[in-house]
Amino acid sequence: MALKVDPGLAALFGSEDRVRTLAALANAEAPLTAYRVASMVRMAPPNVYRELKRLLQVDEVKRAPTPDGRDGWTLVDPGVRTLLRRRQRIVWIQDLSREAEARRRRAALAIRQSNQRPLDLSKFGPGRQLTAQEIRRRRVKDEILAKAGARRSVRLAGSSR
């Protein structure tokens, strides 16, 4: 199944194949190979190469190395990138997986770092008394909430100052 293209963009850029090629490059975070663009937008690689050659002649794209060192392509004009990202969203599933993996790694690192610091259990003990500073902070917060018309805490609702 071919990628659906916004008819307005097809009229603006001249062809659906050109819009597909540009949209793939616009939504990529790093330069893409022509073969990967073809895979993303489900076009034949020769058609993608033809469109990239045409776009190179009018300085809309440029060659740039991909993260793994291959010959890749990227958009030149940030305005075209913004327009295409708003109107035609294309994302490669591996990019989504890579971002999820990066989030998982950052969370694991935060957990490892927090485990290196000793946990102060005195804050969690039953019957722990609040300090004067903690009580003051809560009263100030309750006063602000009361001025805004919100409910105050039960602790201070019935007490008089």
N, C-alpha and C. Protein backbone atom coordinates (compact mmCIF):
# COMPACT_ATOMS: atom_id res chain seq x y z
N MET A 1 0.84 -1.17 0.00
CA MET A 1 0.00 0.00 0.00
C MET A 1 0.89 1.24 0.00
N ALA A 2 0.63 2.13 -0.94
CA ALA A 2 1.44 3.34 -1.06
C ALA A 2 1.05 4.35 0.02
N LEU A 3 2.01 5.16 0.39
CA LEU A 3 1.80 6.21 1.37
C LEU A 3 0.89 7.28 0.78
N LYS A 4 -0.15 7.67 1.51
CA LYS A 4 -1.06 8.71 1.03
C LYS A 4 -0.36 10.06 1.14
N VAL A 5 -0.50 10.86 0.11
CA VAL A 5 0.15 12.15 0.03
C VAL A 5 -0.91 13.24 0.03
N ASP A 6 -0.66 14.29 0.77
CA ASP A 6 -1.52 15.46 0.79
C ASP A 6 -1.57 16.05 -0.63
N PRO A 7 -2.76 16.17 -1.22
CA PRO A 7 -2.84 16.69 -2.59
C PRO A 7 -2.28 18.10 -2.74
N GLY A 8 -2.42 18.92 -1.72
CA GLY A 8 -1.86 20.28 -1.78
C GLY A 8 -0.35 20.25 -1.89
N LEU A 9 0.28 19.35 -1.15
CA LEU A 9 1.74 19.23 -1.22
C LEU A 9 2.17 18.69 -2.58
N ALA A 10 1.40 17.74 -3.13
CA ALA A 10 1.74 17.19 -4.45
C ALA A 10 1.66 18.28 -5.50
N ALA A 11 0.65 19.15 -5.40
CA ALA A 11 0.54 20.26 -6.36
C ALA A 11 1.68 21.25 -6.17
N LEU A 12 2.05 21.51 -4.93
CA LEU A 12 3.11 22.47 -4.63
C LEU A 12 4.48 21.99 -5.13
N PHE A 13 4.80 20.72 -4.86
CA PHE A 13 6.13 20.21 -5.19
C PHE A 13 6.21 19.53 -6.56
N GLY A 14 5.07 19.28 -7.20
CA GLY A 14 5.09 18.76 -8.56
C GLY A 14 4.80 17.29 -8.73
N SER A 15 5.00 16.48 -7.72
CA SER A 15 4.68 15.05 -7.84
C SER A 15 4.57 14.41 -6.47
N GLU A 16 3.82 13.33 -6.42
CA GLU A 16 3.67 12.60 -5.16
C GLU A 16 4.98 11.94 -4.75
N ASP A 17 5.72 11.42 -5.72
CA ASP A 17 7.01 10.79 -5.41
C ASP A 17 7.97 11.80 -4.77
N ARG A 18 7.97 13.01 -5.27
CA ARG A 18 8.85 14.05 -4.73
C ARG A 18 8.44 14.38 -3.29
N VAL A 19 7.13 14.47 -3.05
CA VAL A 19 6.65 14.76 -1.69
C VAL A 19 7.03 13.64 -0.74
N ARG A 20 6.86 12.40 -1.18
CA ARG A 20 7.24 11.26 -0.32
C ARG A 20 8.73 11.30 0.03
N THR A 21 9.56 11.57 -0.98
CA THR A 21 11.00 11.62 -0.76
C THR A 21 11.36 12.75 0.19
N LEU A 22 10.82 13.93 -0.06
CA LEU A 22 11.10 15.08 0.80
C LEU A 22 10.58 14.87 2.22
N ALA A 23 9.40 14.27 2.35
CA ALA A 23 8.81 14.06 3.68
C ALA A 23 9.65 13.09 4.50
N ALA A 24 10.18 12.06 3.86
CA ALA A 24 11.04 11.12 4.59
C ALA A 24 12.29 11.83 5.10
N LEU A 25 12.89 12.67 4.26
CA LEU A 25 14.08 13.41 4.68
C LEU A 25 13.75 14.45 5.74
N ALA A 26 12.58 15.08 5.62
CA ALA A 26 12.18 16.12 6.58
C ALA A 26 11.95 15.55 7.97
N ASN A 27 11.43 14.35 8.04
CA ASN A 27 11.11 13.75 9.34
C ASN A 27 12.26 12.98 9.95
N ALA A 28 13.36 12.86 9.23
CA ALA A 28 14.52 12.12 9.74
C ALA A 28 15.38 13.03 10.62
N GLU A 29 15.93 12.46 11.67
CA GLU A 29 16.82 13.20 12.56
C GLU A 29 18.25 13.24 12.04
N ALA A 30 18.59 12.32 11.17
CA ALA A 30 19.94 12.23 10.61
C ALA A 30 19.81 11.97 9.10
N PRO A 31 20.86 12.19 8.34
CA PRO A 31 20.79 11.90 6.90
C PRO A 31 20.39 10.45 6.64
N LEU A 32 19.65 10.25 5.55
CA LEU A 32 19.17 8.92 5.17
C LEU A 32 19.77 8.51 3.84
N THR A 33 19.99 7.21 3.68
CA THR A 33 20.38 6.69 2.37
C THR A 33 19.15 6.67 1.48
N ALA A 34 19.36 6.68 0.18
CA ALA A 34 18.25 6.63 -0.77
C ALA A 34 17.48 5.33 -0.61
N TYR A 35 18.18 4.24 -0.34
CA TYR A 35 17.51 2.95 -0.17
C TYR A 35 16.58 2.98 1.04
N ARG A 36 17.02 3.61 2.12
CA ARG A 36 16.17 3.69 3.31
C ARG A 36 14.96 4.57 3.06
N VAL A 37 15.15 5.67 2.33
CA VAL A 37 14.01 6.50 1.95
C VAL A 37 13.01 5.67 1.16
N ALA A 38 13.50 4.90 0.20
CA ALA A 38 12.63 4.06 -0.62
C ALA A 38 11.87 3.06 0.25
N SER A 39 12.54 2.48 1.22
CA SER A 39 11.88 1.52 2.13
C SER A 39 10.82 2.20 2.98
N MET A 40 11.12 3.40 3.46
CA MET A 40 10.19 4.11 4.34
C MET A 40 8.91 4.50 3.61
N VAL A 41 9.03 4.96 2.38
CA VAL A 41 7.86 5.48 1.68
C VAL A 41 7.31 4.50 0.66
N ARG A 42 7.87 3.29 0.63
CA ARG A 42 7.41 2.21 -0.24
C ARG A 42 7.43 2.62 -1.72
N MET A 43 8.59 3.12 -2.13
CA MET A 43 8.82 3.47 -3.53
C MET A 43 9.96 2.61 -4.06
N ALA A 44 10.03 2.49 -5.36
CA ALA A 44 11.15 1.78 -5.98
C ALA A 44 12.41 2.64 -5.83
N PRO A 45 13.54 2.04 -5.46
CA PRO A 45 14.77 2.82 -5.30
C PRO A 45 15.14 3.68 -6.51
N PRO A 46 14.98 3.19 -7.75
CA PRO A 46 15.31 4.07 -8.88
C PRO A 46 14.48 5.36 -8.91
N ASN A 47 13.23 5.28 -8.48
CA ASN A 47 12.40 6.49 -8.44
C ASN A 47 12.91 7.47 -7.39
N VAL A 48 13.36 6.95 -6.26
CA VAL A 48 13.90 7.81 -5.20
C VAL A 48 15.19 8.46 -5.69
N TYR A 49 16.08 7.67 -6.32
CA TYR A 49 17.32 8.23 -6.84
C TYR A 49 17.03 9.34 -7.86
N ARG A 50 16.03 9.12 -8.73
CA ARG A 50 15.67 10.12 -9.73
C ARG A 50 15.21 11.42 -9.05
N GLU A 51 14.34 11.30 -8.03
CA GLU A 51 13.86 12.48 -7.33
C GLU A 51 14.99 13.19 -6.58
N LEU A 52 15.86 12.42 -5.95
CA LEU A 52 16.99 13.04 -5.23
C LEU A 52 17.92 13.78 -6.20
N LYS A 53 18.13 13.22 -7.38
CA LYS A 53 18.97 13.88 -8.37
C LYS A 53 18.34 15.20 -8.80
N ARG A 54 17.04 15.20 -9.04
CA ARG A 54 16.33 16.43 -9.41
C ARG A 54 16.40 17.46 -8.28
N LEU A 55 16.19 17.01 -7.06
CA LEU A 55 16.22 17.93 -5.92
C LEU A 55 17.63 18.47 -5.66
N LEU A 56 18.65 17.66 -5.95
CA LEU A 56 20.03 18.11 -5.81
C LEU A 56 20.34 19.22 -6.81
N GLN A 57 19.79 19.11 -8.01
CA GLN A 57 20.03 20.12 -9.05
C GLN A 57 19.47 21.49 -8.66
N VAL A 58 18.39 21.50 -7.88
CA VAL A 58 17.78 22.78 -7.47
C VAL A 58 18.14 23.13 -6.03
N ASP A 59 19.13 22.46 -5.48
CA ASP A 59 19.66 22.73 -4.13
C ASP A 59 18.63 22.61 -3.02
N GLU A 60 17.73 21.66 -3.12
CA GLU A 60 16.79 21.39 -2.03
C GLU A 60 17.32 20.31 -1.10
N VAL A 61 18.20 19.46 -1.61
CA VAL A 61 18.83 18.42 -0.78
C VAL A 61 20.34 18.50 -0.98
N LYS A 62 21.06 17.89 -0.05
CA LYS A 62 22.51 17.80 -0.20
C LYS A 62 22.96 16.45 0.31
N ARG A 63 24.13 16.04 -0.14
CA ARG A 63 24.70 14.78 0.33
C ARG A 63 25.34 15.01 1.70
N ALA A 64 25.18 14.02 2.56
CA ALA A 64 25.77 14.08 3.90
C ALA A 64 25.97 12.65 4.37
N PRO A 65 27.02 12.41 5.14
CA PRO A 65 27.24 11.04 5.62
C PRO A 65 26.20 10.66 6.67
N THR A 66 25.74 9.42 6.61
CA THR A 66 24.82 8.90 7.62
C THR A 66 25.61 8.59 8.89
N PRO A 67 24.93 8.34 10.00
CA PRO A 67 25.66 8.02 11.24
C PRO A 67 26.60 6.82 11.12
N ASP A 68 26.27 5.88 10.22
CA ASP A 68 27.16 4.72 10.06
C ASP A 68 28.17 4.91 8.92
N GLY A 69 28.29 6.14 8.37
CA GLY A 69 29.32 6.45 7.40
C GLY A 69 28.95 6.25 5.94
N ARG A 70 27.74 5.89 5.65
CA ARG A 70 27.32 5.72 4.25
C ARG A 70 26.98 7.07 3.63
N ASP A 71 26.81 7.07 2.29
CA ASP A 71 26.38 8.29 1.61
C ASP A 71 24.89 8.47 1.86
N GLY A 72 24.54 9.62 2.40
CA GLY A 72 23.15 9.89 2.71
C GLY A 72 22.70 11.22 2.14
N TRP A 73 21.46 11.55 2.44
CA TRP A 73 20.84 12.76 1.93
C TRP A 73 20.14 13.48 3.07
N THR A 74 20.12 14.82 2.97
CA THR A 74 19.41 15.62 3.96
C THR A 74 18.85 16.86 3.28
N LEU A 75 17.82 17.45 3.88
CA LEU A 75 17.23 18.66 3.34
C LEU A 75 18.10 19.86 3.63
N VAL A 76 18.08 20.84 2.74
CA VAL A 76 18.88 22.05 2.91
C VAL A 76 18.05 23.13 3.62
N ASP A 77 16.82 23.33 3.19
CA ASP A 77 15.99 24.43 3.67
C ASP A 77 15.18 24.04 4.91
N PRO A 78 15.41 24.70 6.05
CA PRO A 78 14.65 24.38 7.26
C PRO A 78 13.16 24.72 7.13
N GLY A 79 12.81 25.68 6.29
CA GLY A 79 11.41 26.02 6.08
C GLY A 79 10.65 24.89 5.41
N VAL A 80 11.28 24.25 4.43
CA VAL A 80 10.67 23.10 3.77
C VAL A 80 10.52 21.96 4.77
N ARG A 81 11.52 21.77 5.60
CA ARG A 81 11.46 20.72 6.63
C ARG A 81 10.26 20.95 7.55
N THR A 82 10.09 22.19 8.01
CA THR A 82 8.99 22.51 8.92
C THR A 82 7.65 22.28 8.25
N LEU A 83 7.51 22.75 7.02
CA LEU A 83 6.26 22.58 6.27
C LEU A 83 5.90 21.11 6.13
N LEU A 84 6.88 20.31 5.72
CA LEU A 84 6.60 18.89 5.50
C LEU A 84 6.34 18.15 6.80
N ARG A 85 7.01 18.52 7.87
CA ARG A 85 6.75 17.85 9.15
C ARG A 85 5.34 18.13 9.64
N ARG A 86 4.82 19.32 9.34
CA ARG A 86 3.46 19.63 9.76
C ARG A 86 2.42 18.89 8.94
N ARG A 87 2.69 18.71 7.65
CA ARG A 87 1.67 18.21 6.74
C ARG A 87 1.81 16.73 6.37
N GLN A 88 3.00 16.15 6.47
CA GLN A 88 3.22 14.77 6.05
C GLN A 88 4.18 14.10 7.02
N ARG A 89 3.67 13.31 7.93
CA ARG A 89 4.49 12.68 8.96
C ARG A 89 4.87 11.27 8.54
N ILE A 90 6.19 11.01 8.50
CA ILE A 90 6.71 9.68 8.18
C ILE A 90 7.76 9.34 9.22
N VAL A 91 7.61 8.18 9.87
CA VAL A 91 8.57 7.77 10.87
C VAL A 91 8.93 6.31 10.63
N TRP A 92 10.20 6.00 10.69
CA TRP A 92 10.71 4.65 10.53
C TRP A 92 10.61 3.95 11.88
N ILE A 93 10.10 2.76 11.93
CA ILE A 93 9.83 2.06 13.18
C ILE A 93 11.11 1.88 14.00
N GLN A 94 12.25 1.70 13.34
CA GLN A 94 13.51 1.56 14.08
C GLN A 94 13.87 2.85 14.82
N ASP A 95 13.49 4.01 14.24
CA ASP A 95 13.74 5.28 14.93
C ASP A 95 12.93 5.36 16.21
N LEU A 96 11.67 4.92 16.14
CA LEU A 96 10.84 4.91 17.34
C LEU A 96 11.41 3.95 18.39
N SER A 97 11.84 2.77 17.93
CA SER A 97 12.43 1.79 18.84
C SER A 97 13.71 2.32 19.47
N ARG A 98 14.52 3.01 18.68
CA ARG A 98 15.77 3.56 19.17
C ARG A 98 15.51 4.60 20.26
N GLU A 99 14.49 5.44 20.05
CA GLU A 99 14.16 6.46 21.05
C GLU A 99 13.63 5.81 22.33
N ALA A 100 12.81 4.77 22.20
CA ALA A 100 12.30 4.07 23.39
C ALA A 100 13.45 3.40 24.14
N GLU A 101 14.39 2.84 23.41
CA GLU A 101 15.55 2.20 24.04
C GLU A 101 16.40 3.25 24.76
N ALA A 102 16.56 4.43 24.17
CA ALA A 102 17.34 5.49 24.83
C ALA A 102 16.64 5.94 26.12
N ARG A 103 15.31 6.06 26.09
CA ARG A 103 14.57 6.42 27.32
C ARG A 103 14.75 5.35 28.39
N ARG A 104 14.70 4.07 27.98
CA ARG A 104 14.86 2.97 28.93
C ARG A 104 16.25 3.01 29.56
N ARG A 105 17.28 3.29 28.73
CA ARG A 105 18.64 3.37 29.26
C ARG A 105 18.80 4.53 30.23
N ARG A 106 18.20 5.68 29.92
CA ARG A 106 18.30 6.83 30.83
C ARG A 106 17.61 6.52 32.15
N ALA A 107 16.46 5.84 32.11
CA ALA A 107 15.77 5.48 33.34
C ALA A 107 16.59 4.50 34.16
N ALA A 108 17.19 3.52 33.51
CA ALA A 108 18.02 2.55 34.22
C ALA A 108 19.23 3.23 34.86
N LEU A 109 19.82 4.18 34.16
CA LEU A 109 20.96 4.92 34.71
C LEU A 109 20.52 5.72 35.93
N ALA A 110 19.38 6.36 35.88
CA ALA A 110 18.88 7.14 37.02
C ALA A 110 18.64 6.23 38.22
N ILE A 111 18.12 5.04 37.98
CA ILE A 111 17.88 4.09 39.08
C ILE A 111 19.21 3.64 39.67
N ARG A 112 20.19 3.32 38.81
CA ARG A 112 21.50 2.90 39.33
C ARG A 112 22.15 4.01 40.15
N GLN A 113 22.05 5.24 39.68
CA GLN A 113 22.65 6.35 40.41
C GLN A 113 21.94 6.59 41.74
N SER A 114 20.62 6.43 41.75
CA SER A 114 19.89 6.64 43.00
C SER A 114 20.18 5.53 44.00
N ASN A 115 20.49 4.34 43.52
CA ASN A 115 20.82 3.23 44.41
C ASN A 115 22.19 3.41 45.04
N GLN A 116 23.03 4.22 44.46
CA GLN A 116 24.36 4.45 45.01
C GLN A 116 24.32 5.36 46.23
N ARG A 117 23.28 6.20 46.33
CA ARG A 117 23.14 7.08 47.49
C ARG A 117 22.31 6.35 48.54
N PRO A 118 22.69 6.43 49.81
CA PRO A 118 21.91 5.76 50.85
C PRO A 118 20.54 6.44 51.00
N LEU A 119 19.53 5.64 51.24
CA LEU A 119 18.17 6.13 51.41
C LEU A 119 17.95 6.52 52.87
N ASP A 120 17.47 7.75 53.11
CA ASP A 120 17.20 8.24 54.46
C ASP A 120 15.81 7.74 54.88
N LEU A 121 15.78 6.66 55.66
CA LEU A 121 14.51 6.06 56.04
C LEU A 121 13.78 6.82 57.14
N SER A 122 14.44 7.77 57.78
CA SER A 122 13.79 8.51 58.86
C SER A 122 12.59 9.30 58.36
N LYS A 123 12.59 9.65 57.08
CA LYS A 123 11.46 10.41 56.53
C LYS A 123 10.22 9.54 56.37
N PHE A 124 10.38 8.23 56.38
CA PHE A 124 9.27 7.34 56.09
C PHE A 124 8.77 6.57 57.31
N GLY A 125 9.33 6.82 58.46
CA GLY A 125 8.95 6.06 59.64
C GLY A 125 7.56 6.43 60.14
N PRO A 126 6.86 5.48 60.77
CA PRO A 126 5.53 5.76 61.30
C PRO A 126 5.62 6.69 62.51
N GLY A 127 4.68 7.61 62.64
CA GLY A 127 4.64 8.49 63.79
C GLY A 127 5.66 9.61 63.74
N ARG A 128 6.30 9.81 62.63
CA ARG A 128 7.30 10.86 62.51
C ARG A 128 6.62 12.22 62.63
N GLN A 129 7.19 13.08 63.43
CA GLN A 129 6.66 14.43 63.63
C GLN A 129 7.19 15.37 62.54
N LEU A 130 6.33 16.26 62.08
CA LEU A 130 6.76 17.24 61.10
C LEU A 130 7.63 18.29 61.76
N THR A 131 8.59 18.78 61.01
CA THR A 131 9.42 19.86 61.53
C THR A 131 8.67 21.18 61.39
N ALA A 132 9.12 22.21 62.12
CA ALA A 132 8.47 23.52 62.06
C ALA A 132 8.51 24.07 60.64
N GLN A 133 9.61 23.85 59.93
CA GLN A 133 9.71 24.35 58.55
C GLN A 133 8.71 23.66 57.64
N GLU A 134 8.52 22.34 57.81
CA GLU A 134 7.54 21.63 56.99
C GLU A 134 6.13 22.11 57.29
N ILE A 135 5.82 22.39 58.55
CA ILE A 135 4.49 22.89 58.91
C ILE A 135 4.26 24.27 58.31
N ARG A 136 5.26 25.14 58.41
CA ARG A 136 5.13 26.49 57.84
C ARG A 136 4.89 26.42 56.34
N ARG A 137 5.62 25.60 55.66
CA ARG A 137 5.43 25.48 54.22
C ARG A 137 4.01 25.05 53.90
N ARG A 138 3.48 24.11 54.65
CA ARG A 138 2.14 23.62 54.38
C ARG A 138 1.10 24.69 54.67
N ARG A 139 1.28 25.49 55.74
CA ARG A 139 0.33 26.56 56.05
C ARG A 139 0.35 27.62 54.96
N VAL A 140 1.53 27.96 54.48
CA VAL A 140 1.64 28.95 53.41
C VAL A 140 0.93 28.43 52.16
N LYS A 141 1.14 27.18 51.86
CA LYS A 141 0.49 26.59 50.70
C LYS A 141 -1.02 26.62 50.88
N ASP A 142 -1.51 26.28 52.07
CA ASP A 142 -2.94 26.31 52.33
C ASP A 142 -3.51 27.71 52.21
N GLU A 143 -2.78 28.72 52.67
CA GLU A 143 -3.24 30.10 52.55
C GLU A 143 -3.37 30.51 51.09
N ILE A 144 -2.40 30.10 50.28
CA ILE A 144 -2.45 30.42 48.85
C ILE A 144 -3.64 29.72 48.21
N LEU A 145 -3.86 28.46 48.58
CA LEU A 145 -5.01 27.73 48.03
C LEU A 145 -6.33 28.37 48.45
N ALA A 146 -6.41 28.81 49.70
CA ALA A 146 -7.63 29.45 50.19
C ALA A 146 -7.92 30.74 49.43
N LYS A 147 -6.88 31.53 49.15
CA LYS A 147 -7.07 32.78 48.39
C LYS A 147 -7.56 32.48 46.97
N ALA A 148 -7.13 31.35 46.43
CA ALA A 148 -7.54 30.97 45.08
C ALA A 148 -8.92 30.32 45.07
N GLY A 149 -9.52 30.12 46.24
CA GLY A 149 -10.84 29.51 46.32
C GLY A 149 -10.82 27.99 46.35
N ALA A 150 -9.65 27.41 46.49
CA ALA A 150 -9.54 25.95 46.55
C ALA A 150 -9.69 25.47 47.99
N ARG A 151 -9.91 24.17 48.15
CA ARG A 151 -10.05 23.60 49.50
C ARG A 151 -8.70 23.61 50.20
N ARG A 152 -8.75 23.94 51.47
CA ARG A 152 -7.54 23.85 52.30
C ARG A 152 -7.47 22.45 52.88
N SER A 153 -6.33 22.13 53.46
CA SER A 153 -6.20 20.80 54.05
C SER A 153 -7.09 20.67 55.28
N VAL A 154 -7.47 19.47 55.62
CA VAL A 154 -8.33 19.20 56.77
C VAL A 154 -7.63 19.63 58.04
N ARG A 155 -6.32 19.49 58.08
CA ARG A 155 -5.54 19.81 59.25
C ARG A 155 -5.75 21.28 59.67
N LEU A 156 -5.85 22.18 58.69
CA LEU A 156 -5.96 23.60 59.01
C LEU A 156 -7.37 24.17 58.80
N ALA A 157 -8.27 23.41 58.23
CA ALA A 157 -9.58 23.93 57.90
C ALA A 157 -10.35 24.35 59.15
N GLY A 158 -10.25 23.60 60.21
CA GLY A 158 -11.01 23.91 61.42
C GLY A 158 -10.22 24.71 62.43
N SER A 159 -8.93 24.83 62.27
CA SER A 159 -8.13 25.52 63.28
C SER A 159 -8.17 27.02 63.06
N SER A 160 -7.99 27.75 64.14
CA SER A 160 -7.94 29.20 64.04
C SER A 160 -6.50 29.64 64.27
N ARG A 161 -6.13 30.71 63.66
CA ARG A 161 -4.75 31.20 63.79
C ARG A 161 -4.67 32.33 64.72
